[in-house]
């Protein structure tokens, strides 16, 4: 996606528990 991180904050949350998918980002 080549996000311009100077325009705003970016948070990446990895391997979160998900009822639907087991794990997700």
PDBML (XML) file of the C-alpha atoms, coordinates in Angstrom:
<?xml version="1.0" encoding="UTF-8" ?>
<PDBx:datablock datablockName="MODEL"
   xmlns:PDBx="http://pdbml.pdb.org/schema/pdbx-v50.xsd"
   xmlns:xsi="http://www.w3.org/2001/XMLSchema-instance"
   xsi:schemaLocation="http://pdbml.pdb.org/schema/pdbx-v50.xsd pdbx-v50.xsd">
   <PDBx:atom_siteCategory>
      <PDBx:atom_site id="1">
         <PDBx:B_iso_or_equiv>0.00</PDBx:B_iso_or_equiv>
         <PDBx:Cartn_x>0.000</PDBx:Cartn_x>
         <PDBx:Cartn_y>0.000</PDBx:Cartn_y>
         <PDBx:Cartn_z>0.000</PDBx:Cartn_z>
         <PDBx:auth_asym_id>A</PDBx:auth_asym_id>
         <PDBx:auth_atom_id>CA</PDBx:auth_atom_id>
         <PDBx:auth_comp_id>UNK</PDBx:auth_comp_id>
         <PDBx:auth_seq_id>1</PDBx:auth_seq_id>
         <PDBx:group_PDB>ATOM</PDBx:group_PDB>
         <PDBx:label_alt_id xsi:nil="true" />
         <PDBx:label_asym_id>A</PDBx:label_asym_id>
         <PDBx:label_atom_id>CA</PDBx:label_atom_id>
         <PDBx:label_comp_id>UNK</PDBx:label_comp_id>
         <PDBx:label_entity_id>1</PDBx:label_entity_id>
         <PDBx:label_seq_id>1</PDBx:label_seq_id>
         <PDBx:occupancy>1.00</PDBx:occupancy>
         <PDBx:pdbx_PDB_model_num>1</PDBx:pdbx_PDB_model_num>
         <PDBx:type_symbol>C</PDBx:type_symbol>
      </PDBx:atom_site>
      <PDBx:atom_site id="2">
         <PDBx:B_iso_or_equiv>0.00</PDBx:B_iso_or_equiv>
         <PDBx:Cartn_x>3.028</PDBx:Cartn_x>
         <PDBx:Cartn_y>2.291</PDBx:Cartn_y>
         <PDBx:Cartn_z>0.432</PDBx:Cartn_z>
         <PDBx:auth_asym_id>A</PDBx:auth_asym_id>
         <PDBx:auth_atom_id>CA</PDBx:auth_atom_id>
         <PDBx:auth_comp_id>UNK</PDBx:auth_comp_id>
         <PDBx:auth_seq_id>2</PDBx:auth_seq_id>
         <PDBx:group_PDB>ATOM</PDBx:group_PDB>
         <PDBx:label_alt_id xsi:nil="true" />
         <PDBx:label_asym_id>A</PDBx:label_asym_id>
         <PDBx:label_atom_id>CA</PDBx:label_atom_id>
         <PDBx:label_comp_id>UNK</PDBx:label_comp_id>
         <PDBx:label_entity_id>1</PDBx:label_entity_id>
         <PDBx:label_seq_id>2</PDBx:label_seq_id>
         <PDBx:occupancy>1.00</PDBx:occupancy>
         <PDBx:pdbx_PDB_model_num>1</PDBx:pdbx_PDB_model_num>
         <PDBx:type_symbol>C</PDBx:type_symbol>
      </PDBx:atom_site>
      <PDBx:atom_site id="3">
         <PDBx:B_iso_or_equiv>0.00</PDBx:B_iso_or_equiv>
         <PDBx:Cartn_x>1.308</PDBx:Cartn_x>
         <PDBx:Cartn_y>4.339</PDBx:Cartn_y>
         <PDBx:Cartn_z>3.157</PDBx:Cartn_z>
         <PDBx:auth_asym_id>A</PDBx:auth_asym_id>
         <PDBx:auth_atom_id>CA</PDBx:auth_atom_id>
         <PDBx:auth_comp_id>UNK</PDBx:auth_comp_id>
         <PDBx:auth_seq_id>3</PDBx:auth_seq_id>
         <PDBx:group_PDB>ATOM</PDBx:group_PDB>
         <PDBx:label_alt_id xsi:nil="true" />
         <PDBx:label_asym_id>A</PDBx:label_asym_id>
         <PDBx:label_atom_id>CA</PDBx:label_atom_id>
         <PDBx:label_comp_id>UNK</PDBx:label_comp_id>
         <PDBx:label_entity_id>1</PDBx:label_entity_id>
         <PDBx:label_seq_id>3</PDBx:label_seq_id>
         <PDBx:occupancy>1.00</PDBx:occupancy>
         <PDBx:pdbx_PDB_model_num>1</PDBx:pdbx_PDB_model_num>
         <PDBx:type_symbol>C</PDBx:type_symbol>
      </PDBx:atom_site>
      <PDBx:atom_site id="4">
         <PDBx:B_iso_or_equiv>0.00</PDBx:B_iso_or_equiv>
         <PDBx:Cartn_x>2.595</PDBx:Cartn_x>
         <PDBx:Cartn_y>7.885</PDBx:Cartn_y>
         <PDBx:Cartn_z>3.740</PDBx:Cartn_z>
         <PDBx:auth_asym_id>A</PDBx:auth_asym_id>
         <PDBx:auth_atom_id>CA</PDBx:auth_atom_id>
         <PDBx:auth_comp_id>UNK</PDBx:auth_comp_id>
         <PDBx:auth_seq_id>4</PDBx:auth_seq_id>
         <PDBx:group_PDB>ATOM</PDBx:group_PDB>
         <PDBx:label_alt_id xsi:nil="true" />
         <PDBx:label_asym_id>A</PDBx:label_asym_id>
         <PDBx:label_atom_id>CA</PDBx:label_atom_id>
         <PDBx:label_comp_id>UNK</PDBx:label_comp_id>
         <PDBx:label_entity_id>1</PDBx:label_entity_id>
         <PDBx:label_seq_id>4</PDBx:label_seq_id>
         <PDBx:occupancy>1.00</PDBx:occupancy>
         <PDBx:pdbx_PDB_model_num>1</PDBx:pdbx_PDB_model_num>
         <PDBx:type_symbol>C</PDBx:type_symbol>
      </PDBx:atom_site>
      <PDBx:atom_site id="5">
         <PDBx:B_iso_or_equiv>0.00</PDBx:B_iso_or_equiv>
         <PDBx:Cartn_x>3.313</PDBx:Cartn_x>
         <PDBx:Cartn_y>7.614</PDBx:Cartn_y>
         <PDBx:Cartn_z>7.468</PDBx:Cartn_z>
         <PDBx:auth_asym_id>A</PDBx:auth_asym_id>
         <PDBx:auth_atom_id>CA</PDBx:auth_atom_id>
         <PDBx:auth_comp_id>UNK</PDBx:auth_comp_id>
         <PDBx:auth_seq_id>5</PDBx:auth_seq_id>
         <PDBx:group_PDB>ATOM</PDBx:group_PDB>
         <PDBx:label_alt_id xsi:nil="true" />
         <PDBx:label_asym_id>A</PDBx:label_asym_id>
         <PDBx:label_atom_id>CA</PDBx:label_atom_id>
         <PDBx:label_comp_id>UNK</PDBx:label_comp_id>
         <PDBx:label_entity_id>1</PDBx:label_entity_id>
         <PDBx:label_seq_id>5</PDBx:label_seq_id>
         <PDBx:occupancy>1.00</PDBx:occupancy>
         <PDBx:pdbx_PDB_model_num>1</PDBx:pdbx_PDB_model_num>
         <PDBx:type_symbol>C</PDBx:type_symbol>
      </PDBx:atom_site>
      <PDBx:atom_site id="6">
         <PDBx:B_iso_or_equiv>0.00</PDBx:B_iso_or_equiv>
         <PDBx:Cartn_x>4.003</PDBx:Cartn_x>
         <PDBx:Cartn_y>11.336</PDBx:Cartn_y>
         <PDBx:Cartn_z>7.725</PDBx:Cartn_z>
         <PDBx:auth_asym_id>A</PDBx:auth_asym_id>
         <PDBx:auth_atom_id>CA</PDBx:auth_atom_id>
         <PDBx:auth_comp_id>UNK</PDBx:auth_comp_id>
         <PDBx:auth_seq_id>6</PDBx:auth_seq_id>
         <PDBx:group_PDB>ATOM</PDBx:group_PDB>
         <PDBx:label_alt_id xsi:nil="true" />
         <PDBx:label_asym_id>A</PDBx:label_asym_id>
         <PDBx:label_atom_id>CA</PDBx:label_atom_id>
         <PDBx:label_comp_id>UNK</PDBx:label_comp_id>
         <PDBx:label_entity_id>1</PDBx:label_entity_id>
         <PDBx:label_seq_id>6</PDBx:label_seq_id>
         <PDBx:occupancy>1.00</PDBx:occupancy>
         <PDBx:pdbx_PDB_model_num>1</PDBx:pdbx_PDB_model_num>
         <PDBx:type_symbol>C</PDBx:type_symbol>
      </PDBx:atom_site>
      <PDBx:atom_site id="7">
         <PDBx:B_iso_or_equiv>0.00</PDBx:B_iso_or_equiv>
         <PDBx:Cartn_x>0.282</PDBx:Cartn_x>
         <PDBx:Cartn_y>12.029</PDBx:Cartn_y>
         <PDBx:Cartn_z>7.211</PDBx:Cartn_z>
         <PDBx:auth_asym_id>A</PDBx:auth_asym_id>
         <PDBx:auth_atom_id>CA</PDBx:auth_atom_id>
         <PDBx:auth_comp_id>UNK</PDBx:auth_comp_id>
         <PDBx:auth_seq_id>7</PDBx:auth_seq_id>
         <PDBx:group_PDB>ATOM</PDBx:group_PDB>
         <PDBx:label_alt_id xsi:nil="true" />
         <PDBx:label_asym_id>A</PDBx:label_asym_id>
         <PDBx:label_atom_id>CA</PDBx:label_atom_id>
         <PDBx:label_comp_id>UNK</PDBx:label_comp_id>
         <PDBx:label_entity_id>1</PDBx:label_entity_id>
         <PDBx:label_seq_id>7</PDBx:label_seq_id>
         <PDBx:occupancy>1.00</PDBx:occupancy>
         <PDBx:pdbx_PDB_model_num>1</PDBx:pdbx_PDB_model_num>
         <PDBx:type_symbol>C</PDBx:type_symbol>
      </PDBx:atom_site>
      <PDBx:atom_site id="8">
         <PDBx:B_iso_or_equiv>0.00</PDBx:B_iso_or_equiv>
         <PDBx:Cartn_x>-0.819</PDBx:Cartn_x>
         <PDBx:Cartn_y>9.991</PDBx:Cartn_y>
         <PDBx:Cartn_z>10.208</PDBx:Cartn_z>
         <PDBx:auth_asym_id>A</PDBx:auth_asym_id>
         <PDBx:auth_atom_id>CA</PDBx:auth_atom_id>
         <PDBx:auth_comp_id>UNK</PDBx:auth_comp_id>
         <PDBx:auth_seq_id>8</PDBx:auth_seq_id>
         <PDBx:group_PDB>ATOM</PDBx:group_PDB>
         <PDBx:label_alt_id xsi:nil="true" />
         <PDBx:label_asym_id>A</PDBx:label_asym_id>
         <PDBx:label_atom_id>CA</PDBx:label_atom_id>
         <PDBx:label_comp_id>UNK</PDBx:label_comp_id>
         <PDBx:label_entity_id>1</PDBx:label_entity_id>
         <PDBx:label_seq_id>8</PDBx:label_seq_id>
         <PDBx:occupancy>1.00</PDBx:occupancy>
         <PDBx:pdbx_PDB_model_num>1</PDBx:pdbx_PDB_model_num>
         <PDBx:type_symbol>C</PDBx:type_symbol>
      </PDBx:atom_site>
      <PDBx:atom_site id="9">
         <PDBx:B_iso_or_equiv>0.00</PDBx:B_iso_or_equiv>
         <PDBx:Cartn_x>-0.143</PDBx:Cartn_x>
         <PDBx:Cartn_y>7.211</PDBx:Cartn_y>
         <PDBx:Cartn_z>12.678</PDBx:Cartn_z>
         <PDBx:auth_asym_id>A</PDBx:auth_asym_id>
         <PDBx:auth_atom_id>CA</PDBx:auth_atom_id>
         <PDBx:auth_comp_id>UNK</PDBx:auth_comp_id>
         <PDBx:auth_seq_id>9</PDBx:auth_seq_id>
         <PDBx:group_PDB>ATOM</PDBx:group_PDB>
         <PDBx:label_alt_id xsi:nil="true" />
         <PDBx:label_asym_id>A</PDBx:label_asym_id>
         <PDBx:label_atom_id>CA</PDBx:label_atom_id>
         <PDBx:label_comp_id>UNK</PDBx:label_comp_id>
         <PDBx:label_entity_id>1</PDBx:label_entity_id>
         <PDBx:label_seq_id>9</PDBx:label_seq_id>
         <PDBx:occupancy>1.00</PDBx:occupancy>
         <PDBx:pdbx_PDB_model_num>1</PDBx:pdbx_PDB_model_num>
         <PDBx:type_symbol>C</PDBx:type_symbol>
      </PDBx:atom_site>
      <PDBx:atom_site id="10">
         <PDBx:B_iso_or_equiv>0.00</PDBx:B_iso_or_equiv>
         <PDBx:Cartn_x>-0.063</PDBx:Cartn_x>
         <PDBx:Cartn_y>3.577</PDBx:Cartn_y>
         <PDBx:Cartn_z>11.630</PDBx:Cartn_z>
         <PDBx:auth_asym_id>A</PDBx:auth_asym_id>
         <PDBx:auth_atom_id>CA</PDBx:auth_atom_id>
         <PDBx:auth_comp_id>UNK</PDBx:auth_comp_id>
         <PDBx:auth_seq_id>10</PDBx:auth_seq_id>
         <PDBx:group_PDB>ATOM</PDBx:group_PDB>
         <PDBx:label_alt_id xsi:nil="true" />
         <PDBx:label_asym_id>A</PDBx:label_asym_id>
         <PDBx:label_atom_id>CA</PDBx:label_atom_id>
         <PDBx:label_comp_id>UNK</PDBx:label_comp_id>
         <PDBx:label_entity_id>1</PDBx:label_entity_id>
         <PDBx:label_seq_id>10</PDBx:label_seq_id>
         <PDBx:occupancy>1.00</PDBx:occupancy>
         <PDBx:pdbx_PDB_model_num>1</PDBx:pdbx_PDB_model_num>
         <PDBx:type_symbol>C</PDBx:type_symbol>
      </PDBx:atom_site>
      <PDBx:atom_site id="11">
         <PDBx:B_iso_or_equiv>0.00</PDBx:B_iso_or_equiv>
         <PDBx:Cartn_x>-0.702</PDBx:Cartn_x>
         <PDBx:Cartn_y>0.665</PDBx:Cartn_y>
         <PDBx:Cartn_z>13.991</PDBx:Cartn_z>
         <PDBx:auth_asym_id>A</PDBx:auth_asym_id>
         <PDBx:auth_atom_id>CA</PDBx:auth_atom_id>
         <PDBx:auth_comp_id>UNK</PDBx:auth_comp_id>
         <PDBx:auth_seq_id>11</PDBx:auth_seq_id>
         <PDBx:group_PDB>ATOM</PDBx:group_PDB>
         <PDBx:label_alt_id xsi:nil="true" />
         <PDBx:label_asym_id>A</PDBx:label_asym_id>
         <PDBx:label_atom_id>CA</PDBx:label_atom_id>
         <PDBx:label_comp_id>UNK</PDBx:label_comp_id>
         <PDBx:label_entity_id>1</PDBx:label_entity_id>
         <PDBx:label_seq_id>11</PDBx:label_seq_id>
         <PDBx:occupancy>1.00</PDBx:occupancy>
         <PDBx:pdbx_PDB_model_num>1</PDBx:pdbx_PDB_model_num>
         <PDBx:type_symbol>C</PDBx:type_symbol>
      </PDBx:atom_site>
      <PDBx:atom_site id="12">
         <PDBx:B_iso_or_equiv>0.00</PDBx:B_iso_or_equiv>
         <PDBx:Cartn_x>-0.150</PDBx:Cartn_x>
         <PDBx:Cartn_y>-2.937</PDBx:Cartn_y>
         <PDBx:Cartn_z>12.911</PDBx:Cartn_z>
         <PDBx:auth_asym_id>A</PDBx:auth_asym_id>
         <PDBx:auth_atom_id>CA</PDBx:auth_atom_id>
         <PDBx:auth_comp_id>UNK</PDBx:auth_comp_id>
         <PDBx:auth_seq_id>12</PDBx:auth_seq_id>
         <PDBx:group_PDB>ATOM</PDBx:group_PDB>
         <PDBx:label_alt_id xsi:nil="true" />
         <PDBx:label_asym_id>A</PDBx:label_asym_id>
         <PDBx:label_atom_id>CA</PDBx:label_atom_id>
         <PDBx:label_comp_id>UNK</PDBx:label_comp_id>
         <PDBx:label_entity_id>1</PDBx:label_entity_id>
         <PDBx:label_seq_id>12</PDBx:label_seq_id>
         <PDBx:occupancy>1.00</PDBx:occupancy>
         <PDBx:pdbx_PDB_model_num>1</PDBx:pdbx_PDB_model_num>
         <PDBx:type_symbol>C</PDBx:type_symbol>
      </PDBx:atom_site>
      <PDBx:atom_site id="13">
         <PDBx:B_iso_or_equiv>0.00</PDBx:B_iso_or_equiv>
         <PDBx:Cartn_x>-1.615</PDBx:Cartn_x>
         <PDBx:Cartn_y>-5.537</PDBx:Cartn_y>
         <PDBx:Cartn_z>15.237</PDBx:Cartn_z>
         <PDBx:auth_asym_id>A</PDBx:auth_asym_id>
         <PDBx:auth_atom_id>CA</PDBx:auth_atom_id>
         <PDBx:auth_comp_id>UNK</PDBx:auth_comp_id>
         <PDBx:auth_seq_id>13</PDBx:auth_seq_id>
         <PDBx:group_PDB>ATOM</PDBx:group_PDB>
         <PDBx:label_alt_id xsi:nil="true" />
         <PDBx:label_asym_id>A</PDBx:label_asym_id>
         <PDBx:label_atom_id>CA</PDBx:label_atom_id>
         <PDBx:label_comp_id>UNK</PDBx:label_comp_id>
         <PDBx:label_entity_id>1</PDBx:label_entity_id>
         <PDBx:label_seq_id>13</PDBx:label_seq_id>
         <PDBx:occupancy>1.00</PDBx:occupancy>
         <PDBx:pdbx_PDB_model_num>1</PDBx:pdbx_PDB_model_num>
         <PDBx:type_symbol>C</PDBx:type_symbol>
      </PDBx:atom_site>
      <PDBx:atom_site id="14">
         <PDBx:B_iso_or_equiv>0.00</PDBx:B_iso_or_equiv>
         <PDBx:Cartn_x>-0.602</PDBx:Cartn_x>
         <PDBx:Cartn_y>-9.067</PDBx:Cartn_y>
         <PDBx:Cartn_z>14.347</PDBx:Cartn_z>
         <PDBx:auth_asym_id>A</PDBx:auth_asym_id>
         <PDBx:auth_atom_id>CA</PDBx:auth_atom_id>
         <PDBx:auth_comp_id>UNK</PDBx:auth_comp_id>
         <PDBx:auth_seq_id>14</PDBx:auth_seq_id>
         <PDBx:group_PDB>ATOM</PDBx:group_PDB>
         <PDBx:label_alt_id xsi:nil="true" />
         <PDBx:label_asym_id>A</PDBx:label_asym_id>
         <PDBx:label_atom_id>CA</PDBx:label_atom_id>
         <PDBx:label_comp_id>UNK</PDBx:label_comp_id>
         <PDBx:label_entity_id>1</PDBx:label_entity_id>
         <PDBx:label_seq_id>14</PDBx:label_seq_id>
         <PDBx:occupancy>1.00</PDBx:occupancy>
         <PDBx:pdbx_PDB_model_num>1</PDBx:pdbx_PDB_model_num>
         <PDBx:type_symbol>C</PDBx:type_symbol>
      </PDBx:atom_site>
      <PDBx:atom_site id="15">
         <PDBx:B_iso_or_equiv>0.00</PDBx:B_iso_or_equiv>
         <PDBx:Cartn_x>-1.994</PDBx:Cartn_x>
         <PDBx:Cartn_y>-12.480</PDBx:Cartn_y>
         <PDBx:Cartn_z>15.265</PDBx:Cartn_z>
         <PDBx:auth_asym_id>A</PDBx:auth_asym_id>
         <PDBx:auth_atom_id>CA</PDBx:auth_atom_id>
         <PDBx:auth_comp_id>UNK</PDBx:auth_comp_id>
         <PDBx:auth_seq_id>15</PDBx:auth_seq_id>
         <PDBx:group_PDB>ATOM</PDBx:group_PDB>
         <PDBx:label_alt_id xsi:nil="true" />
         <PDBx:label_asym_id>A</PDBx:label_asym_id>
         <PDBx:label_atom_id>CA</PDBx:label_atom_id>
         <PDBx:label_comp_id>UNK</PDBx:label_comp_id>
         <PDBx:label_entity_id>1</PDBx:label_entity_id>
         <PDBx:label_seq_id>15</PDBx:label_seq_id>
         <PDBx:occupancy>1.00</PDBx:occupancy>
         <PDBx:pdbx_PDB_model_num>1</PDBx:pdbx_PDB_model_num>
         <PDBx:type_symbol>C</PDBx:type_symbol>
      </PDBx:atom_site>
      <PDBx:atom_site id="16">
         <PDBx:B_iso_or_equiv>0.00</PDBx:B_iso_or_equiv>
         <PDBx:Cartn_x>-5.033</PDBx:Cartn_x>
         <PDBx:Cartn_y>-11.187</PDBx:Cartn_y>
         <PDBx:Cartn_z>17.126</PDBx:Cartn_z>
         <PDBx:auth_asym_id>A</PDBx:auth_asym_id>
         <PDBx:auth_atom_id>CA</PDBx:auth_atom_id>
         <PDBx:auth_comp_id>UNK</PDBx:auth_comp_id>
         <PDBx:auth_seq_id>16</PDBx:auth_seq_id>
         <PDBx:group_PDB>ATOM</PDBx:group_PDB>
         <PDBx:label_alt_id xsi:nil="true" />
         <PDBx:label_asym_id>A</PDBx:label_asym_id>
         <PDBx:label_atom_id>CA</PDBx:label_atom_id>
         <PDBx:label_comp_id>UNK</PDBx:label_comp_id>
         <PDBx:label_entity_id>1</PDBx:label_entity_id>
         <PDBx:label_seq_id>16</PDBx:label_seq_id>
         <PDBx:occupancy>1.00</PDBx:occupancy>
         <PDBx:pdbx_PDB_model_num>1</PDBx:pdbx_PDB_model_num>
         <PDBx:type_symbol>C</PDBx:type_symbol>
      </PDBx:atom_site>
      <PDBx:atom_site id="17">
         <PDBx:B_iso_or_equiv>0.00</PDBx:B_iso_or_equiv>
         <PDBx:Cartn_x>-7.573</PDBx:Cartn_x>
         <PDBx:Cartn_y>-13.791</PDBx:Cartn_y>
         <PDBx:Cartn_z>18.219</PDBx:Cartn_z>
         <PDBx:auth_asym_id>A</PDBx:auth_asym_id>
         <PDBx:auth_atom_id>CA</PDBx:auth_atom_id>
         <PDBx:auth_comp_id>UNK</PDBx:auth_comp_id>
         <PDBx:auth_seq_id>17</PDBx:auth_seq_id>
         <PDBx:group_PDB>ATOM</PDBx:group_PDB>
         <PDBx:label_alt_id xsi:nil="true" />
         <PDBx:label_asym_id>A</PDBx:label_asym_id>
         <PDBx:label_atom_id>CA</PDBx:label_atom_id>
         <PDBx:label_comp_id>UNK</PDBx:label_comp_id>
         <PDBx:label_entity_id>1</PDBx:label_entity_id>
         <PDBx:label_seq_id>17</PDBx:label_seq_id>
         <PDBx:occupancy>1.00</PDBx:occupancy>
         <PDBx:pdbx_PDB_model_num>1</PDBx:pdbx_PDB_model_num>
         <PDBx:type_symbol>C</PDBx:type_symbol>
      </PDBx:atom_site>
      <PDBx:atom_site id="18">
         <PDBx:B_iso_or_equiv>0.00</PDBx:B_iso_or_equiv>
         <PDBx:Cartn_x>-10.632</PDBx:Cartn_x>
         <PDBx:Cartn_y>-13.902</PDBx:Cartn_y>
         <PDBx:Cartn_z>15.991</PDBx:Cartn_z>
         <PDBx:auth_asym_id>A</PDBx:auth_asym_id>
         <PDBx:auth_atom_id>CA</PDBx:auth_atom_id>
         <PDBx:auth_comp_id>UNK</PDBx:auth_comp_id>
         <PDBx:auth_seq_id>18</PDBx:auth_seq_id>
         <PDBx:group_PDB>ATOM</PDBx:group_PDB>
         <PDBx:label_alt_id xsi:nil="true" />
         <PDBx:label_asym_id>A</PDBx:label_asym_id>
         <PDBx:label_atom_id>CA</PDBx:label_atom_id>
         <PDBx:label_comp_id>UNK</PDBx:label_comp_id>
         <PDBx:label_entity_id>1</PDBx:label_entity_id>
         <PDBx:label_seq_id>18</PDBx:label_seq_id>
         <PDBx:occupancy>1.00</PDBx:occupancy>
         <PDBx:pdbx_PDB_model_num>1</PDBx:pdbx_PDB_model_num>
         <PDBx:type_symbol>C</PDBx:type_symbol>
      </PDBx:atom_site>
      <PDBx:atom_site id="19">
         <PDBx:B_iso_or_equiv>0.00</PDBx:B_iso_or_equiv>
         <PDBx:Cartn_x>-13.808</PDBx:Cartn_x>
         <PDBx:Cartn_y>-15.935</PDBx:Cartn_y>
         <PDBx:Cartn_z>16.485</PDBx:Cartn_z>
         <PDBx:auth_asym_id>A</PDBx:auth_asym_id>
         <PDBx:auth_atom_id>CA</PDBx:auth_atom_id>
         <PDBx:auth_comp_id>UNK</PDBx:auth_comp_id>
         <PDBx:auth_seq_id>19</PDBx:auth_seq_id>
         <PDBx:group_PDB>ATOM</PDBx:group_PDB>
         <PDBx:label_alt_id xsi:nil="true" />
         <PDBx:label_asym_id>A</PDBx:label_asym_id>
         <PDBx:label_atom_id>CA</PDBx:label_atom_id>
         <PDBx:label_comp_id>UNK</PDBx:label_comp_id>
         <PDBx:label_entity_id>1</PDBx:label_entity_id>
         <PDBx:label_seq_id>19</PDBx:label_seq_id>
         <PDBx:occupancy>1.00</PDBx:occupancy>
         <PDBx:pdbx_PDB_model_num>1</PDBx:pdbx_PDB_model_num>
         <PDBx:type_symbol>C</PDBx:type_symbol>
      </PDBx:atom_site>
      <PDBx:atom_site id="20">
         <PDBx:B_iso_or_equiv>0.00</PDBx:B_iso_or_equiv>
         <PDBx:Cartn_x>-14.345</PDBx:Cartn_x>
         <PDBx:Cartn_y>-16.048</PDBx:Cartn_y>
         <PDBx:Cartn_z>12.724</PDBx:Cartn_z>
         <PDBx:auth_asym_id>A</PDBx:auth_asym_id>
         <PDBx:auth_atom_id>CA</PDBx:auth_atom_id>
         <PDBx:auth_comp_id>UNK</PDBx:auth_comp_id>
         <PDBx:auth_seq_id>20</PDBx:auth_seq_id>
         <PDBx:group_PDB>ATOM</PDBx:group_PDB>
         <PDBx:label_alt_id xsi:nil="true" />
         <PDBx:label_asym_id>A</PDBx:label_asym_id>
         <PDBx:label_atom_id>CA</PDBx:label_atom_id>
         <PDBx:label_comp_id>UNK</PDBx:label_comp_id>
         <PDBx:label_entity_id>1</PDBx:label_entity_id>
         <PDBx:label_seq_id>20</PDBx:label_seq_id>
         <PDBx:occupancy>1.00</PDBx:occupancy>
         <PDBx:pdbx_PDB_model_num>1</PDBx:pdbx_PDB_model_num>
         <PDBx:type_symbol>C</PDBx:type_symbol>
      </PDBx:atom_site>
      <PDBx:atom_site id="21">
         <PDBx:B_iso_or_equiv>0.00</PDBx:B_iso_or_equiv>
         <PDBx:Cartn_x>-10.787</PDBx:Cartn_x>
         <PDBx:Cartn_y>-16.675</PDBx:Cartn_y>
         <PDBx:Cartn_z>11.455</PDBx:Cartn_z>
         <PDBx:auth_asym_id>A</PDBx:auth_asym_id>
         <PDBx:auth_atom_id>CA</PDBx:auth_atom_id>
         <PDBx:auth_comp_id>UNK</PDBx:auth_comp_id>
         <PDBx:auth_seq_id>21</PDBx:auth_seq_id>
         <PDBx:group_PDB>ATOM</PDBx:group_PDB>
         <PDBx:label_alt_id xsi:nil="true" />
         <PDBx:label_asym_id>A</PDBx:label_asym_id>
         <PDBx:label_atom_id>CA</PDBx:label_atom_id>
         <PDBx:label_comp_id>UNK</PDBx:label_comp_id>
         <PDBx:label_entity_id>1</PDBx:label_entity_id>
         <PDBx:label_seq_id>21</PDBx:label_seq_id>
         <PDBx:occupancy>1.00</PDBx:occupancy>
         <PDBx:pdbx_PDB_model_num>1</PDBx:pdbx_PDB_model_num>
         <PDBx:type_symbol>C</PDBx:type_symbol>
      </PDBx:atom_site>
      <PDBx:atom_site id="22">
         <PDBx:B_iso_or_equiv>0.00</PDBx:B_iso_or_equiv>
         <PDBx:Cartn_x>-8.871</PDBx:Cartn_x>
         <PDBx:Cartn_y>-18.048</PDBx:Cartn_y>
         <PDBx:Cartn_z>14.450</PDBx:Cartn_z>
         <PDBx:auth_asym_id>A</PDBx:auth_asym_id>
         <PDBx:auth_atom_id>CA</PDBx:auth_atom_id>
         <PDBx:auth_comp_id>UNK</PDBx:auth_comp_id>
         <PDBx:auth_seq_id>22</PDBx:auth_seq_id>
         <PDBx:group_PDB>ATOM</PDBx:group_PDB>
         <PDBx:label_alt_id xsi:nil="true" />
         <PDBx:label_asym_id>A</PDBx:label_asym_id>
         <PDBx:label_atom_id>CA</PDBx:label_atom_id>
         <PDBx:label_comp_id>UNK</PDBx:label_comp_id>
         <PDBx:label_entity_id>1</PDBx:label_entity_id>
         <PDBx:label_seq_id>22</PDBx:label_seq_id>
         <PDBx:occupancy>1.00</PDBx:occupancy>
         <PDBx:pdbx_PDB_model_num>1</PDBx:pdbx_PDB_model_num>
         <PDBx:type_symbol>C</PDBx:type_symbol>
      </PDBx:atom_site>
      <PDBx:atom_site id="23">
         <PDBx:B_iso_or_equiv>0.00</PDBx:B_iso_or_equiv>
         <PDBx:Cartn_x>-6.106</PDBx:Cartn_x>
         <PDBx:Cartn_y>-15.441</PDBx:Cartn_y>
         <PDBx:Cartn_z>14.080</PDBx:Cartn_z>
         <PDBx:auth_asym_id>A</PDBx:auth_asym_id>
         <PDBx:auth_atom_id>CA</PDBx:auth_atom_id>
         <PDBx:auth_comp_id>UNK</PDBx:auth_comp_id>
         <PDBx:auth_seq_id>23</PDBx:auth_seq_id>
         <PDBx:group_PDB>ATOM</PDBx:group_PDB>
         <PDBx:label_alt_id xsi:nil="true" />
         <PDBx:label_asym_id>A</PDBx:label_asym_id>
         <PDBx:label_atom_id>CA</PDBx:label_atom_id>
         <PDBx:label_comp_id>UNK</PDBx:label_comp_id>
         <PDBx:label_entity_id>1</PDBx:label_entity_id>
         <PDBx:label_seq_id>23</PDBx:label_seq_id>
         <PDBx:occupancy>1.00</PDBx:occupancy>
         <PDBx:pdbx_PDB_model_num>1</PDBx:pdbx_PDB_model_num>
         <PDBx:type_symbol>C</PDBx:type_symbol>
      </PDBx:atom_site>
      <PDBx:atom_site id="24">
         <PDBx:B_iso_or_equiv>0.00</PDBx:B_iso_or_equiv>
         <PDBx:Cartn_x>-5.986</PDBx:Cartn_x>
         <PDBx:Cartn_y>-12.214</PDBx:Cartn_y>
         <PDBx:Cartn_z>12.070</PDBx:Cartn_z>
         <PDBx:auth_asym_id>A</PDBx:auth_asym_id>
         <PDBx:auth_atom_id>CA</PDBx:auth_atom_id>
         <PDBx:auth_comp_id>UNK</PDBx:auth_comp_id>
         <PDBx:auth_seq_id>24</PDBx:auth_seq_id>
         <PDBx:group_PDB>ATOM</PDBx:group_PDB>
         <PDBx:label_alt_id xsi:nil="true" />
         <PDBx:label_asym_id>A</PDBx:label_asym_id>
         <PDBx:label_atom_id>CA</PDBx:label_atom_id>
         <PDBx:label_comp_id>UNK</PDBx:label_comp_id>
         <PDBx:label_entity_id>1</PDBx:label_entity_id>
         <PDBx:label_seq_id>24</PDBx:label_seq_id>
         <PDBx:occupancy>1.00</PDBx:occupancy>
         <PDBx:pdbx_PDB_model_num>1</PDBx:pdbx_PDB_model_num>
         <PDBx:type_symbol>C</PDBx:type_symbol>
      </PDBx:atom_site>
      <PDBx:atom_site id="25">
         <PDBx:B_iso_or_equiv>0.00</PDBx:B_iso_or_equiv>
         <PDBx:Cartn_x>-4.018</PDBx:Cartn_x>
         <PDBx:Cartn_y>-9.007</PDBx:Cartn_y>
         <PDBx:Cartn_z>11.532</PDBx:Cartn_z>
         <PDBx:auth_asym_id>A</PDBx:auth_asym_id>
         <PDBx:auth_atom_id>CA</PDBx:auth_atom_id>
         <PDBx:auth_comp_id>UNK</PDBx:auth_comp_id>
         <PDBx:auth_seq_id>25</PDBx:auth_seq_id>
         <PDBx:group_PDB>ATOM</PDBx:group_PDB>
         <PDBx:label_alt_id xsi:nil="true" />
         <PDBx:label_asym_id>A</PDBx:label_asym_id>
         <PDBx:label_atom_id>CA</PDBx:label_atom_id>
         <PDBx:label_comp_id>UNK</PDBx:label_comp_id>
         <PDBx:label_entity_id>1</PDBx:label_entity_id>
         <PDBx:label_seq_id>25</PDBx:label_seq_id>
         <PDBx:occupancy>1.00</PDBx:occupancy>
         <PDBx:pdbx_PDB_model_num>1</PDBx:pdbx_PDB_model_num>
         <PDBx:type_symbol>C</PDBx:type_symbol>
      </PDBx:atom_site>
   </PDBx:atom_siteCategory>
</PDBx:datablock>
